[in-house]
Amino acid sequence: MAQRTSEFGIRLALGAQTGSIIQLVLKAGVRLALIGAVLGLIGAFGLSRLLSSVLPSMELNSGSVIAIVTGGLIAVAVIACYLPACRAARISPVEALRSE
């Protein structure tokens, strides 16, 4: 967010609403979280296949646990993006442009 402060200041100076700034930040953050979740799920399924061959008595494919953990991680990522987005949307355009 610190790197994009001047961009948000310019957007706000040109008339952007705070909701659009928050939406811009959340959209980028959620996209990265979803990409990470998909890559993590692919890795988890690959690792579970490997572990099931080594430890055949263990049940490693619990869909409900994987769904809950993935949903929780995406929720944490959204919250981690929302808080800085609110701070960035409240910045004064004059101070944002002055800082650069």
Protein backbone atom coordinates (compact mmCIF):
# COMPACT_ATOMS: atom_id res chain seq x y z
CA MET A 1 0.00 0.00 0.00
CA ALA A 2 2.86 2.37 0.72
CA GLN A 3 4.09 2.03 -2.85
CA ARG A 4 0.67 2.85 -4.29
CA THR A 5 -0.13 5.79 -2.00
CA SER A 6 0.50 8.37 -4.69
CA GLU A 7 -1.69 6.43 -7.14
CA PHE A 8 -4.56 6.41 -4.66
CA GLY A 9 -4.02 10.09 -3.97
CA ILE A 10 -4.29 10.89 -7.67
CA ARG A 11 -7.41 8.75 -8.01
CA LEU A 12 -9.02 10.46 -5.02
CA ALA A 13 -8.03 13.90 -6.34
CA LEU A 14 -9.68 13.08 -9.66
CA GLY A 15 -12.92 12.15 -7.91
CA ALA A 16 -12.72 8.46 -7.14
CA GLN A 17 -14.91 7.26 -4.28
CA THR A 18 -13.39 5.51 -1.29
CA GLY A 19 -15.40 2.41 -2.13
CA SER A 20 -13.74 2.13 -5.52
CA ILE A 21 -10.28 2.35 -3.93
CA ILE A 22 -11.20 -0.39 -1.44
CA GLN A 23 -12.64 -2.50 -4.25
CA LEU A 24 -9.48 -2.06 -6.33
CA VAL A 25 -7.25 -3.24 -3.50
CA LEU A 26 -9.55 -6.12 -2.51
CA LYS A 27 -9.84 -7.34 -6.08
CA ALA A 28 -6.06 -7.59 -6.42
CA GLY A 29 -5.67 -9.25 -3.02
CA VAL A 30 -8.45 -11.78 -3.53
CA ARG A 31 -7.05 -12.69 -6.95
CA LEU A 32 -3.67 -13.46 -5.37
CA ALA A 33 -5.32 -15.40 -2.53
CA LEU A 34 -7.32 -17.53 -4.98
CA ILE A 35 -4.24 -18.27 -7.08
CA GLY A 36 -2.39 -19.27 -3.92
CA ALA A 37 -5.30 -21.43 -2.78
CA VAL A 38 -5.46 -23.26 -6.10
CA LEU A 39 -1.70 -23.88 -6.11
CA GLY A 40 -1.87 -24.99 -2.47
CA LEU A 41 -4.71 -27.40 -3.19
CA ILE A 42 -2.80 -28.90 -6.10
CA GLY A 43 0.22 -29.34 -3.83
CA ALA A 44 -1.91 -30.77 -1.03
CA PHE A 45 -3.50 -33.37 -3.29
CA GLY A 46 -0.10 -34.33 -4.70
CA LEU A 47 1.39 -34.63 -1.24
CA SER A 48 -1.58 -36.64 0.01
CA ARG A 49 -1.07 -39.14 -2.83
CA LEU A 50 2.58 -39.47 -1.84
CA LEU A 51 1.74 -39.91 1.84
CA SER A 52 -0.99 -42.43 1.12
CA SER A 53 1.52 -44.61 -0.69
CA VAL A 54 3.88 -44.47 2.29
CA LEU A 55 1.18 -44.69 4.98
CA PRO A 56 -1.72 -46.63 3.46
CA SER A 57 -3.76 -46.81 6.69
CA MET A 58 -4.12 -43.02 7.04
CA GLU A 59 -7.12 -41.20 5.58
CA LEU A 60 -5.72 -38.11 3.89
CA ASN A 61 -8.50 -36.93 1.58
CA SER A 62 -11.00 -35.29 3.91
CA GLY A 63 -12.84 -32.88 1.65
CA SER A 64 -14.58 -31.01 4.44
CA VAL A 65 -11.33 -30.27 6.26
CA ILE A 66 -9.66 -29.08 3.06
CA ALA A 67 -12.64 -26.85 2.23
CA ILE A 68 -12.78 -25.32 5.72
CA VAL A 69 -9.05 -24.64 5.84
CA THR A 70 -9.01 -23.16 2.35
CA GLY A 71 -12.02 -20.96 3.13
CA GLY A 72 -10.41 -19.82 6.36
CA LEU A 73 -7.17 -18.90 4.63
CA ILE A 74 -9.01 -16.94 1.94
CA ALA A 75 -11.00 -15.13 4.66
CA VAL A 76 -7.78 -14.18 6.44
CA ALA A 77 -6.35 -12.90 3.15
CA VAL A 78 -9.45 -10.77 2.53
CA ILE A 79 -9.22 -9.27 6.02
CA ALA A 80 -5.49 -8.67 5.54
CA CYS A 81 -6.28 -6.75 2.34
CA TYR A 82 -9.31 -4.90 3.70
CA LEU A 83 -7.60 -3.16 6.60
CA PRO A 84 -4.84 -1.48 4.54
CA ALA A 85 -7.39 -0.70 1.82
CA CYS A 86 -9.51 1.25 4.31
CA ARG A 87 -6.43 3.13 5.46
CA ALA A 88 -5.48 3.92 1.86
CA ALA A 89 -9.00 5.12 1.05
CA ARG A 90 -8.93 7.59 3.96
CA ILE A 91 -5.69 9.26 2.87
CA SER A 92 -5.84 12.91 1.95
CA PRO A 93 -5.04 13.48 -1.74
CA VAL A 94 -2.92 16.50 -0.87
CA GLU A 95 -0.78 14.58 1.61
CA ALA A 96 -0.46 11.60 -0.75
CA LEU A 97 0.83 13.80 -3.53
CA ARG A 98 3.04 15.78 -1.16
CA SER A 99 4.74 12.62 0.13
CA GLU A 100 6.10 11.86 -3.33
